N, C-alpha and C. Protein backbone atom coordinates (compact mmCIF):
# COMPACT_ATOMS: atom_id res chain seq x y z
N MET A 1 72.50 -65.61 72.26
CA MET A 1 73.59 -64.67 72.40
C MET A 1 73.07 -63.27 72.09
N ILE A 2 73.40 -62.31 72.95
CA ILE A 2 72.94 -60.94 72.78
C ILE A 2 73.78 -60.24 71.70
N LEU A 3 73.14 -59.40 70.89
CA LEU A 3 73.83 -58.66 69.85
C LEU A 3 74.46 -57.40 70.43
N THR A 4 75.64 -57.05 69.93
CA THR A 4 76.27 -55.79 70.30
C THR A 4 75.59 -54.66 69.54
N GLY A 5 75.87 -53.43 69.95
CA GLY A 5 75.33 -52.28 69.24
C GLY A 5 75.73 -52.26 67.78
N ASP A 6 77.00 -52.58 67.50
CA ASP A 6 77.46 -52.60 66.10
C ASP A 6 76.72 -53.66 65.29
N GLU A 7 76.44 -54.81 65.91
CA GLU A 7 75.72 -55.87 65.21
C GLU A 7 74.25 -55.48 65.00
N ILE A 8 73.65 -54.79 65.97
CA ILE A 8 72.28 -54.29 65.78
C ILE A 8 72.25 -53.37 64.57
N LYS A 9 73.20 -52.44 64.49
CA LYS A 9 73.27 -51.52 63.35
C LYS A 9 73.42 -52.28 62.04
N ALA A 10 74.30 -53.28 62.02
CA ALA A 10 74.51 -54.07 60.80
C ALA A 10 73.24 -54.81 60.39
N GLU A 11 72.52 -55.37 61.37
CA GLU A 11 71.29 -56.10 61.07
C GLU A 11 70.16 -55.15 60.63
N VAL A 12 70.15 -53.94 61.15
CA VAL A 12 69.18 -52.93 60.67
C VAL A 12 69.49 -52.61 59.22
N GLU A 13 70.76 -52.41 58.90
CA GLU A 13 71.15 -52.09 57.52
C GLU A 13 70.81 -53.22 56.56
N LYS A 14 70.85 -54.48 57.02
CA LYS A 14 70.48 -55.63 56.18
C LYS A 14 68.97 -55.82 56.10
N GLY A 15 68.22 -55.16 56.97
CA GLY A 15 66.77 -55.34 57.00
C GLY A 15 66.32 -56.50 57.88
N ASN A 16 67.23 -57.10 58.64
CA ASN A 16 66.88 -58.22 59.51
C ASN A 16 66.32 -57.77 60.85
N ILE A 17 66.67 -56.56 61.27
CA ILE A 17 66.08 -55.92 62.44
C ILE A 17 65.41 -54.65 61.94
N ILE A 18 64.19 -54.43 62.41
CA ILE A 18 63.44 -53.23 62.04
C ILE A 18 63.37 -52.32 63.27
N ILE A 19 63.81 -51.10 63.10
CA ILE A 19 63.63 -50.04 64.09
C ILE A 19 63.25 -48.81 63.28
N ASN A 20 62.02 -48.35 63.45
CA ASN A 20 61.53 -47.25 62.62
C ASN A 20 60.77 -46.26 63.50
N PRO A 21 61.24 -45.01 63.63
CA PRO A 21 62.42 -44.46 63.00
C PRO A 21 63.70 -44.94 63.70
N PHE A 22 64.78 -44.97 62.94
CA PHE A 22 66.08 -45.45 63.42
C PHE A 22 67.08 -44.30 63.40
N TYR A 23 67.80 -44.14 64.52
CA TYR A 23 68.85 -43.13 64.63
C TYR A 23 70.10 -43.81 65.19
N VAL A 24 71.19 -43.75 64.47
CA VAL A 24 72.44 -44.39 64.86
C VAL A 24 72.87 -43.95 66.26
N GLU A 25 72.65 -42.68 66.59
CA GLU A 25 73.09 -42.18 67.90
C GLU A 25 72.33 -42.80 69.08
N ARG A 26 71.27 -43.54 68.84
CA ARG A 26 70.50 -44.19 69.90
C ARG A 26 71.01 -45.62 70.18
N ILE A 27 72.02 -46.05 69.42
CA ILE A 27 72.61 -47.38 69.65
C ILE A 27 73.45 -47.33 70.91
N GLU A 28 73.30 -48.35 71.74
CA GLU A 28 74.07 -48.49 72.98
C GLU A 28 74.94 -49.73 72.84
N PRO A 29 75.81 -50.06 73.81
CA PRO A 29 76.71 -51.20 73.66
C PRO A 29 76.02 -52.53 73.33
N ASN A 30 74.83 -52.79 73.90
CA ASN A 30 74.11 -54.04 73.63
C ASN A 30 72.62 -53.81 73.45
N SER A 31 72.23 -52.61 73.05
CA SER A 31 70.81 -52.31 72.92
C SER A 31 70.60 -51.06 72.08
N TYR A 32 69.33 -50.73 71.92
CA TYR A 32 68.93 -49.50 71.22
C TYR A 32 67.98 -48.74 72.14
N GLY A 33 68.22 -47.46 72.36
CA GLY A 33 67.37 -46.65 73.24
C GLY A 33 66.11 -46.21 72.51
N PHE A 34 64.94 -46.61 73.06
CA PHE A 34 63.67 -46.25 72.42
C PHE A 34 62.94 -45.18 73.23
N ARG A 35 61.90 -44.62 72.61
CA ARG A 35 61.17 -43.49 73.18
C ARG A 35 59.71 -43.82 73.45
N LEU A 36 59.11 -43.03 74.31
CA LEU A 36 57.70 -43.16 74.67
C LEU A 36 56.84 -42.55 73.57
N GLY A 37 55.77 -43.27 73.22
CA GLY A 37 54.81 -42.74 72.26
C GLY A 37 54.02 -41.58 72.85
N LYS A 38 52.97 -41.18 72.16
CA LYS A 38 52.25 -39.96 72.52
C LYS A 38 50.93 -40.20 73.23
N LYS A 39 50.62 -41.47 73.54
CA LYS A 39 49.30 -41.77 74.12
C LYS A 39 49.45 -42.78 75.25
N LEU A 40 48.57 -42.66 76.25
CA LEU A 40 48.46 -43.62 77.35
C LEU A 40 47.03 -44.13 77.41
N LEU A 41 46.87 -45.34 77.91
CA LEU A 41 45.53 -45.88 78.21
C LEU A 41 45.47 -46.13 79.71
N VAL A 42 44.28 -45.89 80.29
CA VAL A 42 44.02 -46.18 81.70
C VAL A 42 42.69 -46.91 81.76
N TYR A 43 42.69 -48.07 82.44
CA TYR A 43 41.45 -48.82 82.58
C TYR A 43 40.46 -48.06 83.45
N ASN A 44 39.18 -48.11 83.07
CA ASN A 44 38.12 -47.43 83.82
C ASN A 44 37.51 -48.31 84.90
N ASP A 45 37.47 -49.61 84.66
CA ASP A 45 36.80 -50.53 85.58
C ASP A 45 37.62 -50.71 86.85
N LYS A 46 36.91 -50.76 87.99
CA LYS A 46 37.61 -50.99 89.26
C LYS A 46 38.11 -52.43 89.37
N VAL A 47 37.35 -53.35 88.78
CA VAL A 47 37.74 -54.76 88.75
C VAL A 47 37.85 -55.17 87.28
N LEU A 48 38.99 -55.75 86.93
CA LEU A 48 39.18 -56.21 85.56
C LEU A 48 38.90 -57.70 85.51
N ASP A 49 38.00 -58.11 84.64
CA ASP A 49 37.60 -59.51 84.49
C ASP A 49 38.23 -60.04 83.21
N VAL A 50 39.06 -61.08 83.32
CA VAL A 50 39.77 -61.61 82.14
C VAL A 50 38.82 -62.16 81.09
N LYS A 51 37.58 -62.46 81.45
CA LYS A 51 36.62 -62.98 80.47
C LYS A 51 35.84 -61.87 79.76
N LYS A 52 36.08 -60.63 80.15
CA LYS A 52 35.35 -59.51 79.56
C LYS A 52 36.33 -58.46 79.04
N THR A 53 35.94 -57.79 77.98
CA THR A 53 36.74 -56.67 77.47
C THR A 53 36.59 -55.51 78.43
N SER A 54 37.70 -54.98 78.91
CA SER A 54 37.68 -53.87 79.86
C SER A 54 37.60 -52.54 79.14
N SER A 55 36.87 -51.61 79.74
CA SER A 55 36.81 -50.27 79.15
C SER A 55 38.02 -49.47 79.63
N TYR A 56 38.41 -48.51 78.83
CA TYR A 56 39.58 -47.70 79.16
C TYR A 56 39.41 -46.30 78.57
N SER A 57 40.21 -45.39 79.10
CA SER A 57 40.26 -44.02 78.59
C SER A 57 41.62 -43.79 77.95
N GLU A 58 41.63 -42.96 76.91
CA GLU A 58 42.88 -42.59 76.24
C GLU A 58 43.32 -41.22 76.74
N ILE A 59 44.62 -41.09 76.97
CA ILE A 59 45.21 -39.82 77.39
C ILE A 59 46.28 -39.47 76.37
N GLU A 60 46.12 -38.32 75.73
CA GLU A 60 47.15 -37.81 74.83
C GLU A 60 48.17 -37.07 75.69
N ILE A 61 49.43 -37.47 75.62
CA ILE A 61 50.46 -36.82 76.43
C ILE A 61 50.80 -35.48 75.80
N PRO A 62 50.54 -34.37 76.49
CA PRO A 62 50.84 -33.07 75.90
C PRO A 62 52.34 -32.80 75.88
N GLU A 63 52.77 -31.90 75.02
CA GLU A 63 54.18 -31.52 74.95
C GLU A 63 54.68 -31.01 76.30
N SER A 64 53.79 -30.43 77.08
CA SER A 64 54.15 -29.89 78.40
C SER A 64 54.30 -30.99 79.45
N GLY A 65 53.94 -32.23 79.09
CA GLY A 65 54.11 -33.36 79.99
C GLY A 65 52.81 -33.78 80.66
N TYR A 66 52.83 -35.00 81.19
CA TYR A 66 51.68 -35.56 81.90
C TYR A 66 52.19 -36.24 83.16
N CYS A 67 51.53 -36.00 84.28
CA CYS A 67 51.98 -36.54 85.56
C CYS A 67 51.35 -37.91 85.81
N LEU A 68 52.20 -38.93 85.88
CA LEU A 68 51.76 -40.27 86.24
C LEU A 68 51.66 -40.35 87.76
N GLU A 69 50.60 -40.99 88.24
CA GLU A 69 50.34 -41.06 89.68
C GLU A 69 50.59 -42.46 90.21
N PRO A 70 51.12 -42.57 91.44
CA PRO A 70 51.27 -43.89 92.07
C PRO A 70 49.90 -44.56 92.23
N ASN A 71 49.90 -45.86 92.37
CA ASN A 71 48.68 -46.66 92.54
C ASN A 71 47.74 -46.59 91.35
N LYS A 72 48.27 -46.25 90.20
CA LYS A 72 47.53 -46.26 88.95
C LYS A 72 48.37 -47.05 87.96
N PHE A 73 47.69 -47.74 87.06
CA PHE A 73 48.37 -48.53 86.05
C PHE A 73 48.10 -47.91 84.69
N TYR A 74 49.15 -47.70 83.94
CA TYR A 74 49.05 -47.07 82.62
C TYR A 74 49.59 -48.02 81.56
N LEU A 75 49.03 -47.93 80.38
CA LEU A 75 49.60 -48.59 79.21
C LEU A 75 50.06 -47.49 78.27
N GLY A 76 51.28 -47.61 77.80
CA GLY A 76 51.82 -46.68 76.83
C GLY A 76 52.36 -47.48 75.66
N SER A 77 53.09 -46.83 74.79
CA SER A 77 53.70 -47.58 73.69
C SER A 77 55.04 -46.96 73.34
N THR A 78 55.83 -47.74 72.63
CA THR A 78 57.07 -47.20 72.09
C THR A 78 56.73 -46.30 70.92
N LEU A 79 57.51 -45.28 70.71
CA LEU A 79 57.35 -44.44 69.53
C LEU A 79 57.77 -45.23 68.29
N GLU A 80 58.80 -46.06 68.47
CA GLU A 80 59.36 -46.81 67.35
C GLU A 80 58.63 -48.14 67.13
N THR A 81 58.55 -48.54 65.89
CA THR A 81 58.19 -49.92 65.54
C THR A 81 59.50 -50.69 65.58
N MET A 82 59.51 -51.82 66.31
CA MET A 82 60.77 -52.54 66.51
C MET A 82 60.54 -54.04 66.50
N GLY A 83 61.52 -54.77 66.03
CA GLY A 83 61.50 -56.23 66.08
C GLY A 83 62.53 -56.82 65.14
N GLY A 84 62.67 -58.12 65.24
CA GLY A 84 63.65 -58.81 64.42
C GLY A 84 63.03 -59.92 63.60
N LYS A 85 63.41 -59.97 62.34
CA LYS A 85 62.93 -61.05 61.47
C LYS A 85 63.55 -62.38 61.86
N TYR A 86 64.79 -62.35 62.37
CA TYR A 86 65.50 -63.56 62.74
C TYR A 86 66.03 -63.52 64.17
N HIS A 87 65.60 -62.53 64.93
CA HIS A 87 66.08 -62.34 66.29
C HIS A 87 64.91 -62.19 67.25
N ALA A 88 65.06 -62.73 68.45
CA ALA A 88 64.13 -62.43 69.53
C ALA A 88 64.60 -61.11 70.16
N SER A 89 63.71 -60.42 70.84
CA SER A 89 64.09 -59.16 71.47
C SER A 89 63.54 -59.08 72.88
N LYS A 90 64.09 -58.18 73.66
CA LYS A 90 63.67 -58.02 75.04
C LYS A 90 63.74 -56.55 75.40
N LEU A 91 62.70 -56.06 76.09
CA LEU A 91 62.63 -54.66 76.50
C LEU A 91 63.06 -54.48 77.94
N PHE A 92 63.68 -53.35 78.20
CA PHE A 92 64.09 -52.96 79.54
C PHE A 92 63.82 -51.47 79.70
N ALA A 93 63.61 -51.03 80.94
CA ALA A 93 63.55 -49.59 81.21
C ALA A 93 64.97 -49.05 81.14
N SER A 94 65.09 -47.77 80.87
CA SER A 94 66.41 -47.15 81.00
C SER A 94 66.70 -46.99 82.49
N ARG A 95 67.97 -47.01 82.85
CA ARG A 95 68.33 -46.89 84.26
C ARG A 95 67.85 -45.55 84.82
N SER A 96 67.94 -44.49 84.02
CA SER A 96 67.52 -43.16 84.48
C SER A 96 66.05 -43.14 84.85
N VAL A 97 65.21 -43.80 84.06
CA VAL A 97 63.78 -43.89 84.35
C VAL A 97 63.54 -44.76 85.58
N SER A 98 64.23 -45.88 85.66
CA SER A 98 64.08 -46.78 86.81
C SER A 98 64.44 -46.09 88.11
N CYS A 99 65.46 -45.24 88.09
CA CYS A 99 65.89 -44.54 89.31
C CYS A 99 64.87 -43.52 89.79
N LEU A 100 63.87 -43.22 88.98
CA LEU A 100 62.77 -42.35 89.39
C LEU A 100 61.65 -43.15 90.05
N GLY A 101 61.80 -44.49 90.12
CA GLY A 101 60.73 -45.32 90.66
C GLY A 101 59.65 -45.58 89.62
N MET A 102 60.07 -45.72 88.36
CA MET A 102 59.13 -45.93 87.25
C MET A 102 59.44 -47.26 86.59
N TRP A 103 58.40 -48.09 86.48
CA TRP A 103 58.53 -49.36 85.77
C TRP A 103 57.79 -49.21 84.45
N ILE A 104 58.42 -49.65 83.38
CA ILE A 104 57.79 -49.46 82.07
C ILE A 104 57.43 -50.75 81.36
N HIS A 105 57.97 -51.85 81.82
CA HIS A 105 57.68 -53.10 81.11
C HIS A 105 58.14 -54.25 81.99
N PHE A 106 57.32 -54.64 82.93
CA PHE A 106 57.80 -55.54 83.97
C PHE A 106 57.30 -56.96 83.88
N SER A 107 56.39 -57.29 83.00
CA SER A 107 55.93 -58.68 83.01
C SER A 107 55.90 -59.37 81.65
N ALA A 108 56.07 -58.66 80.56
CA ALA A 108 56.01 -59.29 79.24
C ALA A 108 57.09 -58.71 78.34
N PRO A 109 58.37 -58.91 78.69
CA PRO A 109 59.43 -58.24 77.94
C PRO A 109 59.91 -58.96 76.68
N LEU A 110 59.45 -60.19 76.43
CA LEU A 110 59.96 -60.97 75.31
C LEU A 110 59.24 -60.64 74.01
N GLY A 111 60.01 -60.35 72.99
CA GLY A 111 59.47 -60.16 71.65
C GLY A 111 59.88 -61.33 70.78
N HIS A 112 58.93 -62.05 70.25
CA HIS A 112 59.23 -63.22 69.43
C HIS A 112 59.76 -62.80 68.06
N THR A 113 60.45 -63.72 67.41
CA THR A 113 60.91 -63.44 66.05
C THR A 113 59.71 -63.11 65.18
N GLY A 114 59.90 -62.16 64.31
CA GLY A 114 58.83 -61.78 63.39
C GLY A 114 57.84 -60.78 63.95
N ALA A 115 57.90 -60.47 65.25
CA ALA A 115 57.01 -59.47 65.83
C ALA A 115 57.61 -58.09 65.56
N LEU A 116 57.07 -57.40 64.59
CA LEU A 116 57.54 -56.07 64.21
C LEU A 116 56.45 -55.08 64.59
N ILE A 117 56.56 -54.54 65.80
CA ILE A 117 55.45 -53.79 66.40
C ILE A 117 55.92 -52.54 67.11
N ARG A 118 54.96 -51.66 67.39
CA ARG A 118 55.14 -50.63 68.41
C ARG A 118 54.70 -51.32 69.69
N TRP A 119 55.60 -51.49 70.61
CA TRP A 119 55.36 -52.27 71.82
C TRP A 119 54.45 -51.52 72.78
N THR A 120 53.51 -52.23 73.38
CA THR A 120 52.71 -51.69 74.47
C THR A 120 53.53 -51.84 75.75
N LEU A 121 53.63 -50.76 76.50
CA LEU A 121 54.41 -50.72 77.73
C LEU A 121 53.48 -50.75 78.94
N GLU A 122 53.85 -51.50 79.97
CA GLU A 122 53.12 -51.56 81.24
C GLU A 122 53.79 -50.58 82.17
N ILE A 123 53.12 -49.52 82.56
CA ILE A 123 53.77 -48.44 83.30
C ILE A 123 53.15 -48.25 84.68
N ALA A 124 54.00 -48.19 85.69
CA ALA A 124 53.60 -47.88 87.06
C ALA A 124 54.71 -47.07 87.70
N VAL A 125 54.35 -46.21 88.65
CA VAL A 125 55.34 -45.37 89.33
C VAL A 125 55.15 -45.44 90.84
N THR A 126 56.24 -45.23 91.58
CA THR A 126 56.18 -45.17 93.05
C THR A 126 55.98 -43.75 93.54
N ASN A 127 56.37 -42.78 92.74
CA ASN A 127 56.24 -41.35 93.04
C ASN A 127 55.56 -40.69 91.84
N PRO A 128 54.92 -39.54 92.02
CA PRO A 128 54.43 -38.83 90.84
C PRO A 128 55.62 -38.52 89.91
N VAL A 129 55.45 -38.83 88.64
CA VAL A 129 56.51 -38.61 87.66
C VAL A 129 55.89 -37.98 86.41
N ILE A 130 56.46 -36.88 85.96
CA ILE A 130 55.98 -36.24 84.74
C ILE A 130 56.73 -36.85 83.56
N VAL A 131 55.96 -37.32 82.57
CA VAL A 131 56.54 -37.90 81.36
C VAL A 131 56.18 -37.02 80.16
N TYR A 132 56.97 -37.16 79.10
CA TYR A 132 56.80 -36.34 77.91
C TYR A 132 56.76 -37.24 76.68
N PRO A 133 55.99 -36.86 75.66
CA PRO A 133 56.00 -37.65 74.44
C PRO A 133 57.40 -37.64 73.82
N GLU A 134 57.81 -38.77 73.32
CA GLU A 134 59.09 -38.95 72.64
C GLU A 134 60.30 -38.90 73.57
N MET A 135 60.09 -38.97 74.90
CA MET A 135 61.24 -39.03 75.80
C MET A 135 61.85 -40.42 75.74
N THR A 136 63.17 -40.51 75.94
CA THR A 136 63.82 -41.82 76.02
C THR A 136 63.33 -42.49 77.29
N ILE A 137 62.84 -43.72 77.14
CA ILE A 137 62.24 -44.40 78.28
C ILE A 137 62.82 -45.79 78.52
N GLY A 138 63.39 -46.39 77.48
CA GLY A 138 63.90 -47.75 77.66
C GLY A 138 64.87 -48.16 76.58
N LYS A 139 65.19 -49.45 76.59
CA LYS A 139 66.11 -50.00 75.60
C LYS A 139 65.62 -51.37 75.18
N ILE A 140 65.92 -51.72 73.96
CA ILE A 140 65.58 -53.03 73.42
C ILE A 140 66.89 -53.74 73.08
N SER A 141 66.96 -55.00 73.45
CA SER A 141 68.11 -55.83 73.07
C SER A 141 67.63 -56.90 72.11
N PHE A 142 68.54 -57.40 71.31
CA PHE A 142 68.22 -58.43 70.32
C PHE A 142 69.09 -59.64 70.59
N TRP A 143 68.51 -60.81 70.39
CA TRP A 143 69.15 -62.08 70.72
C TRP A 143 69.10 -63.01 69.52
N SER A 144 70.22 -63.69 69.28
CA SER A 144 70.25 -64.71 68.23
C SER A 144 69.36 -65.87 68.65
N THR A 145 68.75 -66.49 67.69
CA THR A 145 67.94 -67.68 67.98
C THR A 145 68.59 -68.89 67.32
N GLN A 146 68.30 -70.05 67.83
CA GLN A 146 68.77 -71.29 67.21
C GLN A 146 67.56 -72.03 66.68
N GLY A 147 67.76 -72.72 65.58
CA GLY A 147 66.64 -73.42 64.96
C GLY A 147 65.98 -72.53 63.91
N GLU A 148 65.03 -73.11 63.22
CA GLU A 148 64.31 -72.40 62.17
C GLU A 148 63.40 -71.33 62.79
N PRO A 149 63.55 -70.06 62.38
CA PRO A 149 62.69 -69.01 62.95
C PRO A 149 61.23 -69.24 62.59
N VAL A 150 60.36 -68.99 63.55
CA VAL A 150 58.92 -69.05 63.35
C VAL A 150 58.38 -67.66 63.69
N ASP A 151 57.69 -67.03 62.75
CA ASP A 151 57.16 -65.69 62.99
C ASP A 151 56.06 -65.70 64.03
N TYR A 152 56.03 -64.67 64.85
CA TYR A 152 54.96 -64.46 65.82
C TYR A 152 53.65 -64.24 65.08
N SER A 153 52.59 -64.89 65.53
CA SER A 153 51.28 -64.72 64.89
C SER A 153 50.17 -64.65 65.93
N GLY A 154 50.48 -64.10 67.09
CA GLY A 154 49.51 -64.00 68.18
C GLY A 154 48.54 -62.85 68.01
N LYS A 155 47.75 -62.64 69.03
CA LYS A 155 46.66 -61.65 68.97
C LYS A 155 47.14 -60.20 68.91
N TYR A 156 48.42 -59.96 69.15
CA TYR A 156 48.95 -58.60 69.08
C TYR A 156 49.79 -58.37 67.82
N THR A 157 49.70 -59.28 66.85
CA THR A 157 50.45 -59.17 65.61
C THR A 157 50.18 -57.82 64.95
N SER A 158 51.24 -57.19 64.50
CA SER A 158 51.17 -55.94 63.74
C SER A 158 50.63 -54.76 64.55
N SER A 159 50.68 -54.81 65.88
CA SER A 159 50.16 -53.68 66.66
C SER A 159 51.02 -52.45 66.39
N GLN A 160 50.35 -51.36 66.12
CA GLN A 160 51.04 -50.12 65.80
C GLN A 160 50.62 -48.98 66.72
N ASP A 161 50.05 -49.34 67.87
CA ASP A 161 49.65 -48.34 68.85
C ASP A 161 49.52 -49.05 70.19
N VAL A 162 49.34 -48.29 71.25
CA VAL A 162 49.13 -48.89 72.56
C VAL A 162 47.84 -49.71 72.51
N ILE A 163 47.89 -50.93 73.05
CA ILE A 163 46.75 -51.85 72.96
C ILE A 163 46.42 -52.39 74.35
N ALA A 164 45.16 -52.30 74.70
CA ALA A 164 44.68 -52.88 75.95
C ALA A 164 44.72 -54.41 75.84
N SER A 165 44.60 -55.07 76.96
CA SER A 165 44.64 -56.54 76.98
C SER A 165 43.55 -57.15 76.09
N LYS A 166 43.94 -58.20 75.40
CA LYS A 166 42.99 -58.96 74.58
C LYS A 166 42.77 -60.36 75.17
N ILE A 167 43.02 -60.53 76.47
CA ILE A 167 42.90 -61.85 77.08
C ILE A 167 41.47 -62.38 76.99
N SER A 168 40.48 -61.50 76.96
CA SER A 168 39.09 -61.96 76.89
C SER A 168 38.82 -62.77 75.63
N THR A 169 39.60 -62.57 74.56
CA THR A 169 39.40 -63.34 73.33
C THR A 169 39.72 -64.82 73.53
N GLU A 170 40.48 -65.14 74.58
CA GLU A 170 40.82 -66.53 74.87
C GLU A 170 39.65 -67.29 75.48
N TYR A 171 38.59 -66.56 75.88
CA TYR A 171 37.45 -67.19 76.55
C TYR A 171 36.20 -67.21 75.67
N THR A 172 36.38 -66.93 74.41
CA THR A 172 35.25 -66.95 73.49
C THR A 172 35.55 -67.92 72.36
N SER A 173 34.63 -68.84 72.09
CA SER A 173 34.83 -69.79 70.99
C SER A 173 34.54 -69.10 69.68
N SER A 174 34.76 -69.78 68.58
CA SER A 174 34.50 -69.21 67.26
C SER A 174 33.03 -68.91 67.05
N ARG A 175 32.13 -69.52 67.85
CA ARG A 175 30.70 -69.25 67.74
C ARG A 175 30.27 -68.10 68.66
N GLY A 176 31.24 -67.52 69.39
CA GLY A 176 30.91 -66.42 70.26
C GLY A 176 30.36 -66.83 71.61
N GLU A 177 30.43 -68.11 71.94
CA GLU A 177 29.93 -68.58 73.23
C GLU A 177 31.09 -68.70 74.20
N ASP A 178 30.79 -68.54 75.49
CA ASP A 178 31.83 -68.75 76.50
C ASP A 178 32.27 -70.20 76.46
N MET A 179 33.56 -70.40 76.69
CA MET A 179 34.11 -71.75 76.71
C MET A 179 33.96 -72.37 78.08
């Protein structure tokens, strides 16, 4: 069951949902409006190999804005650290951003219980779009879970910045040899 805005606020006040920084005016009927962080990553390699760590460049988004280009893939992050101790969460783009032909999180929107992170966003655009640090870019919703909560403990646990893919770690054994 999805939480209403009032219930999100109540759960933040109880400490069961973490949104940091938190502003009451960013609460929506069934979500919380979050902002874009200050950095983007762009992969350098023309071909990305899941068995290898890919190289990337960091782009600091200036206050004057940064133009995202079509046919390029960017990783960004939420400005806020967000998650639920007893709730699953899901990210969505804001409608205003979507209407510009911008996708911000299209393949991994589920946040497991206990994942209290600055979310890495998958960003692509159909038209050149100028983005700004701390602009409202999306919304997070929170969902009640049934059963005993199990905290997320995956490879992105405690991420506090934009993070490139760590899929290559799945192909290395504890001895450092390919599986």
